[in-house]
C-alpha atoms as a PDB file:
ATOM      1  CA  UNK A   1      15.939 -16.421 -23.139  1.00  0.00           C
ATOM      2  CA  UNK A   2      16.354 -16.911 -19.892  1.00  0.00           C
ATOM      3  CA  UNK A   3      13.210 -15.931 -18.153  1.00  0.00           C
ATOM      4  CA  UNK A   4      15.466 -14.500 -15.195  1.00  0.00           C
ATOM      5  CA  UNK A   5      16.227 -11.911 -18.325  1.00  0.00           C
ATOM      6  CA  UNK A   6      12.930 -11.385 -19.819  1.00  0.00           C
ATOM      7  CA  UNK A   7      11.620 -10.301 -15.787  1.00  0.00           C
ATOM      8  CA  UNK A   8      14.634  -7.688 -15.049  1.00  0.00           C
ATOM      9  CA  UNK A   9      12.793  -4.965 -17.356  1.00  0.00           C
ATOM     10  CA  UNK A  10       9.247  -5.566 -15.037  1.00  0.00           C
ATOM     11  CA  UNK A  11      11.614  -5.061 -12.072  1.00  0.00           C
ATOM     12  CA  UNK A  12      13.017  -2.136 -13.170  1.00  0.00           C
ATOM     13  CA  UNK A  13       9.734  -0.779 -14.148  1.00  0.00           C
ATOM     14  CA  UNK A  14       8.526  -1.561 -10.517  1.00  0.00           C
ATOM     15  CA  UNK A  15      10.680  -0.120  -8.664  1.00  0.00           C
ATOM     16  CA  UNK A  16      10.750   3.411 -10.645  1.00  0.00           C
ATOM     17  CA  UNK A  17       6.762   3.356 -10.207  1.00  0.00           C
ATOM     18  CA  UNK A  18       7.358   2.579  -5.974  1.00  0.00           C
ATOM     19  CA  UNK A  19       9.976   6.035  -6.244  1.00  0.00           C
ATOM     20  CA  UNK A  20       7.394   8.190  -8.361  1.00  0.00           C
ATOM     21  CA  UNK A  21       4.306   7.049  -5.988  1.00  0.00           C
ATOM     22  CA  UNK A  22       6.435   7.437  -2.695  1.00  0.00           C
ATOM     23  CA  UNK A  23       7.584  10.703  -3.054  1.00  0.00           C
ATOM     24  CA  UNK A  24       4.382  12.655  -1.261  1.00  0.00           C
ATOM     25  CA  UNK A  25       4.820  16.506  -0.289  1.00  0.00           C
ATOM     26  CA  UNK A  26       3.073  16.389   3.163  1.00  0.00           C
ATOM     27  CA  UNK A  27       3.577  20.186   3.510  1.00  0.00           C
ATOM     28  CA  UNK A  28       0.851  20.076   0.907  1.00  0.00           C
ATOM     29  CA  UNK A  29      -1.702  18.822   3.433  1.00  0.00           C
ATOM     30  CA  UNK A  30      -1.125  20.990   6.243  1.00  0.00           C
ATOM     31  CA  UNK A  31      -2.161  24.791   6.933  1.00  0.00           C
ATOM     32  CA  UNK A  32      -0.407  27.532   5.935  1.00  0.00           C
ATOM     33  CA  UNK A  33      -0.115  28.852   9.253  1.00  0.00           C
ATOM     34  CA  UNK A  34       1.287  26.076  10.792  1.00  0.00           C
ATOM     35  CA  UNK A  35       3.825  26.131   7.425  1.00  0.00           C
ATOM     36  CA  UNK A  36       4.580  29.463   8.544  1.00  0.00           C
ATOM     37  CA  UNK A  37       5.062  29.144  12.109  1.00  0.00           C
ATOM     38  CA  UNK A  38       7.372  26.118  11.200  1.00  0.00           C
ATOM     39  CA  UNK A  39       9.909  27.793   8.721  1.00  0.00           C
ATOM     40  CA  UNK A  40       8.822  31.337   8.646  1.00  0.00           C
ATOM     41  CA  UNK A  41       6.591  33.625   6.875  1.00  0.00           C
ATOM     42  CA  UNK A  42       8.913  34.666   4.375  1.00  0.00           C
ATOM     43  CA  UNK A  43      10.137  31.311   3.223  1.00  0.00           C
ATOM     44  CA  UNK A  44       6.737  30.472   2.468  1.00  0.00           C
ATOM     45  CA  UNK A  45       6.001  33.810   0.356  1.00  0.00           C
ATOM     46  CA  UNK A  46       9.361  33.076  -1.267  1.00  0.00           C
ATOM     47  CA  UNK A  47       9.212  32.618  -4.983  1.00  0.00           C
ATOM     48  CA  UNK A  48      11.375  29.054  -4.706  1.00  0.00           C
ATOM     49  CA  UNK A  49       8.580  27.796  -1.923  1.00  0.00           C
ATOM     50  CA  UNK A  50       6.626  24.703  -3.553  1.00  0.00           C
ATOM     51  CA  UNK A  51       5.680  22.644  -0.462  1.00  0.00           C
ATOM     52  CA  UNK A  52       8.660  20.880   0.053  1.00  0.00           C
ATOM     53  CA  UNK A  53       9.142  18.418   2.532  1.00  0.00           C
ATOM     54  CA  UNK A  54      10.301  20.415   5.720  1.00  0.00           C
ATOM     55  CA  UNK A  55      11.745  20.032   9.184  1.00  0.00           C
ATOM     56  CA  UNK A  56      10.089  22.179  11.798  1.00  0.00           C
ATOM     57  CA  UNK A  57      12.559  25.071  13.372  1.00  0.00           C
ATOM     58  CA  UNK A  58      10.440  27.037  15.823  1.00  0.00           C
ATOM     59  CA  UNK A  59       6.971  26.135  17.520  1.00  0.00           C
ATOM     60  CA  UNK A  60       4.966  23.191  19.253  1.00  0.00           C
ATOM     61  CA  UNK A  61       5.544  21.352  16.498  1.00  0.00           C
ATOM     62  CA  UNK A  62       9.387  22.312  16.806  1.00  0.00           C
ATOM     63  CA  UNK A  63      12.124  19.222  15.321  1.00  0.00           C
ATOM     64  CA  UNK A  64       9.144  17.218  14.128  1.00  0.00           C
ATOM     65  CA  UNK A  65       9.051  16.949  10.209  1.00  0.00           C
ATOM     66  CA  UNK A  66       6.363  17.825   7.415  1.00  0.00           C
ATOM     67  CA  UNK A  67       5.371  14.217   7.624  1.00  0.00           C
ATOM     68  CA  UNK A  68       5.381  13.647  11.242  1.00  0.00           C
ATOM     69  CA  UNK A  69       3.019  16.797  11.568  1.00  0.00           C
ATOM     70  CA  UNK A  70       0.510  15.681   9.431  1.00  0.00           C
ATOM     71  CA  UNK A  71      -0.016  11.920  10.754  1.00  0.00           C
ATOM     72  CA  UNK A  72       0.185  13.794  14.317  1.00  0.00           C
ATOM     73  CA  UNK A  73      -2.761  16.003  13.183  1.00  0.00           C
ATOM     74  CA  UNK A  74      -4.318  12.846  12.070  1.00  0.00           C
ATOM     75  CA  UNK A  75      -4.817  10.612  15.104  1.00  0.00           C
ATOM     76  CA  UNK A  76      -8.409   9.876  15.710  1.00  0.00           C
ATOM     77  CA  UNK A  77     -10.813   7.272  16.645  1.00  0.00           C
ATOM     78  CA  UNK A  78     -12.099   6.085  13.647  1.00  0.00           C
ATOM     79  CA  UNK A  79     -15.733   4.727  13.084  1.00  0.00           C
ATOM     80  CA  UNK A  80     -17.284   2.146  10.896  1.00  0.00           C
ATOM     81  CA  UNK A  81     -18.531   4.603   8.259  1.00  0.00           C
ATOM     82  CA  UNK A  82     -14.879   5.498   7.839  1.00  0.00           C
ATOM     83  CA  UNK A  83     -13.890   1.774   6.089  1.00  0.00           C
ATOM     84  CA  UNK A  84     -14.353   1.848   2.632  1.00  0.00           C
ATOM     85  CA  UNK A  85     -15.814  -1.366   1.397  1.00  0.00           C
ATOM     86  CA  UNK A  86     -12.747  -3.916   0.176  1.00  0.00           C
ATOM     87  CA  UNK A  87     -11.600  -3.964  -3.116  1.00  0.00           C
ATOM     88  CA  UNK A  88      -8.779  -5.401  -4.674  1.00  0.00           C
ATOM     89  CA  UNK A  89      -6.431  -4.321  -7.738  1.00  0.00           C
ATOM     90  CA  UNK A  90      -4.712  -7.939  -7.780  1.00  0.00           C
ATOM     91  CA  UNK A  91      -0.774  -7.297  -7.913  1.00  0.00           C
ATOM     92  CA  UNK A  92      -1.080  -3.485  -8.562  1.00  0.00           C
ATOM     93  CA  UNK A  93       1.298  -2.809 -10.999  1.00  0.00           C
ATOM     94  CA  UNK A  94       3.151  -6.350 -11.038  1.00  0.00           C
ATOM     95  CA  UNK A  95       2.555  -9.017 -13.211  1.00  0.00           C
ATOM     96  CA  UNK A  96      -0.070 -11.356 -11.867  1.00  0.00           C
ATOM     97  CA  UNK A  97       1.512 -14.696 -13.488  1.00  0.00           C
ATOM     98  CA  UNK A  98       4.047 -15.606 -15.998  1.00  0.00           C
ATOM     99  CA  UNK A  99       1.671 -14.983 -19.249  1.00  0.00           C
ATOM    100  CA  UNK A 100       4.926 -16.026 -21.669  1.00  0.00           C
ATOM    101  CA  UNK A 101       5.167 -19.100 -19.825  1.00  0.00           C
ATOM    102  CA  UNK A 102       1.328 -19.569 -19.902  1.00  0.00           C
ATOM    103  CA  UNK A 103       0.902 -19.136 -16.361  1.00  0.00           C
ATOM    104  CA  UNK A 104      -1.231 -15.562 -16.896  1.00  0.00           C
ATOM    105  CA  UNK A 105      -2.782 -15.589 -13.119  1.00  0.00           C
ATOM    106  CA  UNK A 106      -0.325 -17.775 -11.551  1.00  0.00           C
ATOM    107  CA  UNK A 107       0.142 -15.733  -8.323  1.00  0.00           C
ATOM    108  CA  UNK A 108      -2.883 -13.518  -7.992  1.00  0.00           C
ATOM    109  CA  UNK A 109      -4.592 -15.502  -5.277  1.00  0.00           C
ATOM    110  CA  UNK A 110      -0.846 -14.228  -3.348  1.00  0.00           C
ATOM    111  CA  UNK A 111      -1.455 -11.266  -4.023  1.00  0.00           C
ATOM    112  CA  UNK A 112      -5.581 -11.017  -2.881  1.00  0.00           C
ATOM    113  CA  UNK A 113      -4.394 -12.401   0.384  1.00  0.00           C
ATOM    114  CA  UNK A 114      -1.572  -9.596   0.443  1.00  0.00           C
ATOM    115  CA  UNK A 115      -4.277  -7.156  -0.112  1.00  0.00           C
ATOM    116  CA  UNK A 116      -6.935  -8.123   2.720  1.00  0.00           C
ATOM    117  CA  UNK A 117      -4.159  -7.556   4.994  1.00  0.00           C
ATOM    118  CA  UNK A 118      -3.479  -4.530   3.341  1.00  0.00           C
ATOM    119  CA  UNK A 119      -6.883  -2.970   3.521  1.00  0.00           C
ATOM    120  CA  UNK A 120      -6.732  -3.749   6.947  1.00  0.00           C
ATOM    121  CA  UNK A 121      -3.644  -2.385   8.119  1.00  0.00           C
ATOM    122  CA  UNK A 122      -2.394  -2.573  11.781  1.00  0.00           C
ATOM    123  CA  UNK A 123       1.054  -2.657  13.180  1.00  0.00           C
ATOM    124  CA  UNK A 124       4.242  -2.586  11.148  1.00  0.00           C
ATOM    125  CA  UNK A 125       4.904  -6.084  12.329  1.00  0.00           C
ATOM    126  CA  UNK A 126       1.548  -7.216  10.881  1.00  0.00           C
ATOM    127  CA  UNK A 127       2.688  -5.652   7.691  1.00  0.00           C
ATOM    128  CA  UNK A 128       5.793  -7.760   7.745  1.00  0.00           C
ATOM    129  CA  UNK A 129       4.171 -10.356   8.400  1.00  0.00           C
ATOM    130  CA  UNK A 130       1.928 -10.351   5.415  1.00  0.00           C
ATOM    131  CA  UNK A 131       4.717  -8.974   3.171  1.00  0.00           C
ATOM    132  CA  UNK A 132       6.586 -12.807   4.004  1.00  0.00           C
ATOM    133  CA  UNK A 133       3.391 -14.509   3.526  1.00  0.00           C
ATOM    134  CA  UNK A 134       3.350 -12.718  -0.169  1.00  0.00           C
ATOM    135  CA  UNK A 135       6.763 -14.254  -0.826  1.00  0.00           C
ATOM    136  CA  UNK A 136       6.484 -17.693   0.732  1.00  0.00           C
ATOM    137  CA  UNK A 137       2.917 -18.168  -0.792  1.00  0.00           C
ATOM    138  CA  UNK A 138       4.698 -16.932  -4.463  1.00  0.00           C
ATOM    139  CA  UNK A 139       7.409 -19.351  -3.908  1.00  0.00           C
ATOM    140  CA  UNK A 140       5.253 -22.155  -2.840  1.00  0.00           C
ATOM    141  CA  UNK A 141       3.627 -21.601  -6.043  1.00  0.00           C
ATOM    142  CA  UNK A 142       6.696 -22.685  -8.182  1.00  0.00           C
ATOM    143  CA  UNK A 143       8.133 -19.238  -8.736  1.00  0.00           C
ATOM    144  CA  UNK A 144      11.570 -18.858  -6.031  1.00  0.00           C
ATOM    145  CA  UNK A 145      12.941 -15.730  -8.188  1.00  0.00           C
ATOM    146  CA  UNK A 146       9.378 -14.010  -7.793  1.00  0.00           C
ATOM    147  CA  UNK A 147       8.417 -14.278  -4.912  1.00  0.00           C
ATOM    148  CA  UNK A 148      11.657 -12.722  -3.667  1.00  0.00           C
ATOM    149  CA  UNK A 149      11.468  -9.864  -6.122  1.00  0.00           C
ATOM    150  CA  UNK A 150       7.653  -8.812  -4.926  1.00  0.00           C
ATOM    151  CA  UNK A 151       8.891  -8.866  -1.336  1.00  0.00           C
ATOM    152  CA  UNK A 152      11.236  -6.261  -2.064  1.00  0.00           C
ATOM    153  CA  UNK A 153       8.608  -4.244  -4.013  1.00  0.00           C
ATOM    154  CA  UNK A 154       5.944  -4.009  -1.160  1.00  0.00           C
ATOM    155  CA  UNK A 155       8.525  -3.117   1.210  1.00  0.00           C
ATOM    156  CA  UNK A 156       9.387  -0.841  -0.304  1.00  0.00           C
ATOM    157  CA  UNK A 157       5.997   1.365  -1.690  1.00  0.00           C
ATOM    158  CA  UNK A 158       3.851  -0.405   0.610  1.00  0.00           C
ATOM    159  CA  UNK A 159       4.069   2.008   4.033  1.00  0.00           C
ATOM    160  CA  UNK A 160       0.796   4.205   5.310  1.00  0.00           C
ATOM    161  CA  UNK A 161       2.751   7.291   4.239  1.00  0.00           C
ATOM    162  CA  UNK A 162       2.138   6.403   0.575  1.00  0.00           C
ATOM    163  CA  UNK A 163      -0.548   7.872  -0.944  1.00  0.00           C
ATOM    164  CA  UNK A 164      -1.351   5.263  -3.361  1.00  0.00           C
ATOM    165  CA  UNK A 165      -4.237   2.738  -3.729  1.00  0.00           C
ATOM    166  CA  UNK A 166      -2.616   0.019  -1.924  1.00  0.00           C
ATOM    167  CA  UNK A 167      -0.995   1.297   0.841  1.00  0.00           C
ATOM    168  CA  UNK A 168      -0.976  -0.019   4.448  1.00  0.00           C
ATOM    169  CA  UNK A 169      -4.022   0.356   5.756  1.00  0.00           C
ATOM    170  CA  UNK A 170      -5.640   1.582   2.547  1.00  0.00           C
ATOM    171  CA  UNK A 171      -9.299   0.662   3.347  1.00  0.00           C
ATOM    172  CA  UNK A 172      -8.941   3.749   5.970  1.00  0.00           C
ATOM    173  CA  UNK A 173      -8.872   7.779   5.417  1.00  0.00           C
ATOM    174  CA  UNK A 174      -5.187   8.506   4.108  1.00  0.00           C
ATOM    175  CA  UNK A 175      -3.572   9.547   7.310  1.00  0.00           C
ATOM    176  CA  UNK A 176      -3.865   6.339   9.534  1.00  0.00           C
ATOM    177  CA  UNK A 177      -0.104   5.210  10.741  1.00  0.00           C
ATOM    178  CA  UNK A 178       0.830   1.781  12.183  1.00  0.00           C
ATOM    179  CA  UNK A 179      -1.213   0.746  15.105  1.00  0.00           C
ATOM    180  CA  UNK A 180      -3.167  -1.900  16.659  1.00  0.00           C
ATOM    181  CA  UNK A 181      -6.543  -1.991  15.337  1.00  0.00           C
ATOM    182  CA  UNK A 182      -9.353  -2.381  18.079  1.00  0.00           C
ATOM    183  CA  UNK A 183     -11.864  -5.124  18.327  1.00  0.00           C
ATOM    184  CA  UNK A 184     -14.490  -3.237  16.884  1.00  0.00           C
ATOM    185  CA  UNK A 185     -12.310  -2.452  13.737  1.00  0.00           C
ATOM    186  CA  UNK A 186     -11.285  -5.639  13.407  1.00  0.00           C
ATOM    187  CA  UNK A 187     -14.896  -6.670  13.254  1.00  0.00           C
ATOM    188  CA  UNK A 188     -15.630  -4.252  10.410  1.00  0.00           C
ATOM    189  CA  UNK A 189     -12.719  -5.055   8.607  1.00  0.00           C
ATOM    190  CA  UNK A 190     -13.903  -8.725   8.856  1.00  0.00           C
ATOM    191  CA  UNK A 191     -17.587  -7.847   8.139  1.00  0.00           C
ATOM    192  CA  UNK A 192     -16.039  -6.228   4.678  1.00  0.00           C
ATOM    193  CA  UNK A 193     -14.094  -8.788   3.521  1.00  0.00           C
ATOM    194  CA  UNK A 194     -17.261 -11.437   3.738  1.00  0.00           C
ATOM    195  CA  UNK A 195     -19.190  -9.057   1.693  1.00  0.00           C
ATOM    196  CA  UNK A 196     -16.374  -8.904  -1.278  1.00  0.00           C
ATOM    197  CA  UNK A 197     -17.669 -11.140  -3.923  1.00  0.00           C
ATOM    198  CA  UNK A 198     -14.081 -13.065  -4.821  1.00  0.00           C
ATOM    199  CA  UNK A 199     -15.401 -15.182  -7.841  1.00  0.00           C
ATOM    200  CA  UNK A 200     -17.220 -11.991  -9.653  1.00  0.00           C
ATOM    201  CA  UNK A 201     -14.107 -10.043  -8.810  1.00  0.00           C
ATOM    202  CA  UNK A 202     -11.953 -12.690 -10.849  1.00  0.00           C
ATOM    203  CA  UNK A 203     -14.481 -13.763 -13.529  1.00  0.00           C
ATOM    204  CA  UNK A 204     -14.500  -9.926 -14.359  1.00  0.00           C
ATOM    205  CA  UNK A 205     -11.143  -8.690 -13.768  1.00  0.00           C
ATOM    206  CA  UNK A 206      -8.810 -12.254 -14.309  1.00  0.00           C
ATOM    207  CA  UNK A 207     -10.160 -15.231 -15.647  1.00  0.00           C
ATOM    208  CA  UNK A 208     -12.821 -17.827 -15.715  1.00  0.00           C
ATOM    209  CA  UNK A 209     -10.056 -20.580 -15.459  1.00  0.00           C
ATOM    210  CA  UNK A 210     -12.040 -22.849 -12.617  1.00  0.00           C
ATOM    211  CA  UNK A 211      -8.257 -23.819 -11.485  1.00  0.00           C
ATOM    212  CA  UNK A 212      -7.468 -20.194 -10.771  1.00  0.00           C
ATOM    213  CA  UNK A 213     -11.083 -19.423  -9.425  1.00  0.00           C
ATOM    214  CA  UNK A 214     -11.138 -22.268  -7.040  1.00  0.00           C
ATOM    215  CA  UNK A 215      -7.444 -21.311  -5.560  1.00  0.00           C
ATOM    216  CA  UNK A 216      -7.845 -18.096  -4.962  1.00  0.00           C
ATOM    217  CA  UNK A 217     -11.909 -17.813  -3.850  1.00  0.00           C
ATOM    218  CA  UNK A 218     -12.125 -21.263  -1.847  1.00  0.00           C
END
C-alpha cells in the first residue's frame, strides 16, 4: 500500500481531535453578573442556556464576544512564578515518525523545538514563524508530505484560545493572548528551557537510540 494512503487515517483523526479540543465555552469562565448584563437574566435562567458562546448586547462589553471578554479580563502583568517548568509531549496527538517504515522517532526533534516556541508564546507572527520552522524541519528530515500536514494541524489547533496543553503560550496560565514578551519574560523562559533535561526526557518517553538523542538534544 502506498505510504500516503497509510497516513490518511492519521490525518483524519488529527483533524477530529483538533476540532473537539478547539471548542472552548468561554462563557463558562465568566462571572455570572457579566453574562446577565450581556444577554439578560431571563436568557441565563432559561433551561436551554448552557454556557454558550455569545455576543454582548449591552453594557460595558457591548459588541464583544464571550471569548473577547474573557481574554480582555485576563490581560495583566505576569511574574516569574506564573511561568511553569518546561514540558514537552513530543508531537502531541500526531505520530513522531513512521514506525511502519522503521523510523518511529524521525521528526520528534522538530516537535521539541516547536514546543519550546509554543511554551514561551509571543506574537501571532512569532507563532506563524514557529509553525513554518516545524514544517521545514520535518521536510528536511526527509518527509516532504508530512511537513505540510503537520503545519496544517498546528495552524488549526494551536492558538492561545484553545484550552489545551499544547496551545500557544502554554507555559503561562490560560488566558494569555498574543503579544510580545518583555525582556524579563524572555529571560525567565530561557532559564526554564536551560533547566530542561532533554536526554532524560527522550530516553524516558521516546528512545535510547544515540543518533536520535544527539539530533534532538545537542
